[in-house]
């Protein structure tokens, strides 16, 4: 196991899950592309980080006490300037267990989900499907055993009912399938390598467009 990954996992034992900025660092260690981000613990750090990323940015609570950030108003999209950021920071800093805010670059594209879960019978199972709220509404997902080969990843993507959204339709460009396949393959190898440590991983959303596939949010739960 990579030294950086071990350090992140050890630092996350008490909480039982990996804070999002650390989760993105962990994914980066396995070659997965994530949105550019800054972890700011003070308002001055936040303003500096947002200007480095470029407005508008997404602001998210970083707290070991809050796994589901949206449920407590801990995610704000479209923050478009220093004044707006100061107001957001002031409100989010009052949430339980505040350890700063994560500032993300704003990206767009088709929302996809990639996940992994440890099954007691089959081992590491990888999930792929349309992301965002679509995965909860339509349940359009494919399951495969890790590690996933490029051929298996492509076959799984073709099996989705919403595959036309990936391929492009009615004049709309499809996504970079090579980039998405590469992300799925790298993710499956990481999940397989970490199966003794991790209970589940959810990358949702992964934003896909004609240029790239990039992880915008990550949730990693550790085994007890």
Foldseek 3Di string as FASTA:
>chain_A
DDPLLVVQLVVCVVLQWGWWVSVVVNLVVLPAFAFDKDWDQDLVSVQVGCVVLDPDKKKFFTFSVDQPGVVVVRIDGRQGHSVSSVVSQVVSCPDPRGRTIMIGRDDAAFWKKWKWAQDPVQGIKIKIGGFDCCCVVPVFIFIDAPQDDLVRLVVRLVPTPPSCCQPDDPPFHHWCSVQVSVNSNSVRVSCRVCRQWWRMKMQTTFHTHNPHTHGHTMITGTDD
